[in-house]
Amino acid sequence: MEAFFQEVSICEPMTIGISNRQRTERINVRWLRQVTCALLTDLEQVDAELGIHLVGAKEMARVNWQFLRHEGSTDVITFDHRALDSALPTATGRIHGELFICVDDAVAQAIAFQTSWQSEVVRYVVHGILHLLGHEDVQPDLRRKMKRAENRLVRRLEQRFSLADLSRPVRISS
């Protein structure tokens, strides 16, 4: 996995890196970092190291096959790196992981669910972070519980942020 990030932020003591490796939609990575930082703060996960990779369907299908042996693209893949850090027990509240988010899938899902692709991308960030916090969605009862938490957090973010701003270009003042 590539370690290059276009936007890295340290929201004391959080580190959030975002790489945008897709060309489907223009994305304001600074805004996405702000939303992610606010989400982690709301969840009281201030000790976090998180990488977010925004990718296209082709790269997502490659990652999905390489690491999970699943065919095709998917919306979000979460990698929890706490188990790789031998000095850090996995039971701690610390987040150390990566999210791969497929913007092509967000566009397709937005059409299917009559929402916006921006809302879908934010939903995938929430979903991935919930996985890093230990939520599971394999069994129907756990999936319903996780979906309720996901919906609640997305609604909370929609109240604080205009999700359409995800696609707004960053204005650089001189």
Foldseek 3Di string as FASTA:
>chain_A
DDPDAPDWDCPVPEIEGEHEAADPAAFDVVVVVVLLCVLCVVVVQNQEYEYEYEYAFVVQQVVCCVPPVDGTHDAKDKDFCQVVPVVHDLPDSYGYIYMYGHLNVLCVVCVVVVHHSLLSRSLRSLLRVVVSRPQDCPDPVSVVVSVVVSVVSSVVSVVVDVSVCRRPDDDDDD
